[in-house]
Protein backbone atom coordinates (compact mmCIF):
# COMPACT_ATOMS: atom_id res chain seq x y z
CA MET A 1 96.74 133.39 113.32
CA THR A 2 97.63 134.06 116.88
CA ASP A 3 98.65 137.25 118.60
CA ASN A 4 101.96 137.38 120.43
CA ASN A 5 101.63 140.47 122.57
CA GLU A 6 99.64 143.63 122.21
CA GLY A 7 101.26 145.89 119.64
CA GLU A 8 103.27 143.09 117.98
CA ALA A 9 102.47 141.71 114.56
CA PRO A 10 100.43 138.49 114.56
CA THR A 11 102.32 135.24 114.06
CA ARG A 12 101.77 133.63 110.67
CA VAL A 13 101.19 129.90 110.49
CA SER A 14 103.83 127.76 108.82
CA TRP A 15 103.32 126.48 105.28
CA ASN A 16 102.91 122.97 106.69
CA SER A 17 100.16 124.12 109.06
CA TYR A 18 98.50 126.11 106.30
CA PHE A 19 98.34 123.26 103.77
CA MET A 20 97.38 120.68 106.40
CA ALA A 21 94.53 122.94 107.55
CA ILE A 22 93.32 123.04 103.96
CA ALA A 23 93.55 119.23 103.74
CA LYS A 24 91.42 119.02 106.90
CA GLN A 25 88.85 121.33 105.34
CA VAL A 26 88.84 119.26 102.14
CA ALA A 27 88.19 116.17 104.30
CA THR A 28 84.89 117.69 105.42
CA ARG A 29 83.53 116.88 101.93
CA SER A 30 84.07 113.14 102.49
CA THR A 31 81.01 110.97 101.92
CA CYS A 32 82.14 107.98 104.01
CA SER A 33 81.45 108.37 107.71
CA ARG A 34 83.99 105.67 108.66
CA LYS A 35 86.89 108.08 108.06
CA HIS A 36 87.10 111.55 106.59
CA VAL A 37 90.36 112.08 104.69
CA GLY A 38 91.53 115.07 102.66
CA ALA A 39 94.55 115.49 100.39
CA VAL A 40 96.15 118.56 98.82
CA LEU A 41 98.84 118.40 96.14
CA VAL A 42 101.19 121.38 96.31
CA ARG A 43 104.20 122.57 94.32
CA ASP A 44 106.16 125.75 94.98
CA LYS A 45 103.70 126.74 97.75
CA MET A 46 100.78 126.66 95.30
CA ILE A 47 97.84 124.28 95.47
CA LEU A 48 97.56 122.09 92.37
CA THR A 49 94.61 119.87 93.29
CA THR A 50 92.60 118.55 96.20
CA GLY A 51 90.78 115.30 96.86
CA TYR A 52 88.66 113.66 99.53
CA ASN A 53 87.47 110.10 100.00
CA GLY A 54 84.13 109.59 98.33
CA SER A 55 82.14 107.32 96.08
CA ILE A 56 82.66 106.91 92.36
CA ARG A 57 81.12 109.83 90.47
CA GLY A 58 77.42 109.30 89.96
CA THR A 59 77.06 106.47 92.47
CA ALA A 60 75.48 106.40 95.92
CA HIS A 61 77.50 107.65 98.88
CA CYS A 62 78.23 105.52 101.94
CA ASP A 63 76.44 108.09 104.06
CA ASP A 64 73.29 107.51 101.95
CA GLU A 65 73.53 103.86 100.88
CA GLY A 66 75.68 102.26 103.56
CA HIS A 67 79.20 100.92 103.51
CA LEU A 68 80.43 98.28 101.08
CA MET A 69 82.77 96.32 103.30
CA GLU A 70 85.59 93.95 102.29
CA ASP A 71 88.18 92.68 104.77
CA GLY A 72 87.24 95.38 107.28
CA HIS A 73 87.54 98.23 104.74
CA CYS A 74 84.86 100.20 102.95
CA VAL A 75 85.53 99.76 99.23
CA ARG A 76 82.71 102.02 98.01
CA THR A 77 84.99 105.06 98.23
CA VAL A 78 87.88 106.28 96.13
CA HIS A 79 90.63 107.48 98.46
CA ALA A 80 91.51 111.15 98.86
CA GLU A 81 94.99 110.84 97.35
CA ALA A 82 93.65 108.99 94.30
CA ASN A 83 90.93 111.61 93.83
CA ALA A 84 93.54 114.40 93.97
CA ILE A 85 95.56 112.61 91.27
CA VAL A 86 92.42 112.03 89.17
CA GLN A 87 91.49 115.71 89.50
CA ALA A 88 94.94 116.62 88.17
CA ALA A 89 94.51 114.24 85.22
CA ARG A 90 91.03 115.54 84.41
CA ASN A 91 92.28 119.13 84.42
CA GLY A 92 95.68 118.62 82.77
CA VAL A 93 97.71 119.56 85.85
CA ARG A 94 101.26 118.22 86.12
CA ILE A 95 101.90 116.85 89.62
CA ASP A 96 105.50 115.66 89.16
CA GLN A 97 107.84 117.00 91.86
CA SER A 98 104.97 118.09 94.10
CA ASP A 99 104.13 117.43 97.74
CA CYS A 100 101.05 115.71 99.11
CA TYR A 101 99.49 116.93 102.34
CA VAL A 102 97.07 114.29 103.59
CA THR A 103 95.19 114.04 106.88
CA ALA A 104 96.00 110.31 107.27
CA SER A 105 99.02 108.49 105.88
CA PRO A 106 98.32 106.80 102.56
CA CYS A 107 97.41 103.16 102.19
CA PHE A 108 99.92 101.18 100.15
CA LYS A 109 97.89 101.48 96.91
CA CYS A 110 97.64 105.25 97.25
CA PHE A 111 101.33 105.43 98.12
CA GLN A 112 102.04 103.58 94.87
CA LEU A 113 99.93 106.07 92.91
CA LEU A 114 101.65 109.04 94.55
CA ALA A 115 105.09 107.55 93.88
CA ASN A 116 104.29 106.87 90.22
CA GLY A 117 102.84 110.38 89.92
CA GLY A 118 106.22 111.84 90.89
CA ILE A 119 105.28 113.07 94.37
CA GLN A 120 108.51 113.91 96.18
CA ARG A 121 107.20 114.42 99.70
CA ILE A 122 104.17 113.12 101.61
CA LEU A 123 103.17 114.98 104.76
CA PHE A 124 100.53 113.43 106.99
CA GLU A 125 99.03 114.13 110.37
CA GLU A 126 97.74 110.73 111.49
CA PHE A 127 99.57 107.47 110.81
CA TYR A 128 97.01 105.05 109.39
CA ARG A 129 97.79 101.35 109.13
CA ASP A 130 100.42 100.59 106.51
CA GLU A 131 104.06 100.41 107.62
CA ARG A 132 105.22 99.34 104.12
CA ILE A 133 105.16 102.94 102.94
CA PHE A 134 108.24 103.72 105.07
CA ASP A 135 110.49 101.10 103.44
CA PHE A 136 109.35 101.92 99.92
CA ALA A 137 109.63 105.66 100.49
CA LYS A 138 113.23 105.19 101.61
CA GLN A 139 114.02 103.07 98.54
CA LEU A 140 112.46 105.66 96.24
CA GLY A 141 113.81 108.79 97.91
CA ILE A 142 110.33 110.04 98.80
CA GLU A 143 110.31 112.02 102.01
CA LEU A 144 107.62 110.99 104.51
CA VAL A 145 106.88 113.63 107.13
CA HIS A 146 104.69 112.96 110.15
CA LEU A 147 103.23 116.30 111.22
CA GLY A 148 101.75 116.94 114.62
CA ALA A 149 98.34 118.55 115.02
CA ASP A 150 100.09 121.94 115.05
CA GLY A 151 101.84 121.30 111.73
CA ALA A 152 105.24 120.75 113.32
CA THR A 153 107.28 117.68 112.45
CA ASP A 154 107.53 114.88 114.98
């Protein structure tokens, strides 16, 4: 929250800024030092699930064991978006018609999972690698929103 002028009510952050700030906080739980990513699934301004990139349950973390690299990517971790979807499945939470706030745009595999999960809108702060998501999102009617650091759309 920021103050406008003395005596005026403080300015509330936008919903986009609010949920992206939560995604950034979720990313602090990441166990892969190469990139910390957080995702938050939201419907009707309510958080459904969260996820961060980290190792398979019960296995060593990159930060402890080292990275497992293939083609320039660490494959030891499960991506944040996938973990948010898995959390929903484990807890019986319906994610159809929800939004995904994610600190970095999804890779193509995670985009596919989000699309098949019924996500209607993906909001991301940093574009990360995969241009294919734009064409497929357009075909599928999924809204992709690139947010600036302040939560405003570009």
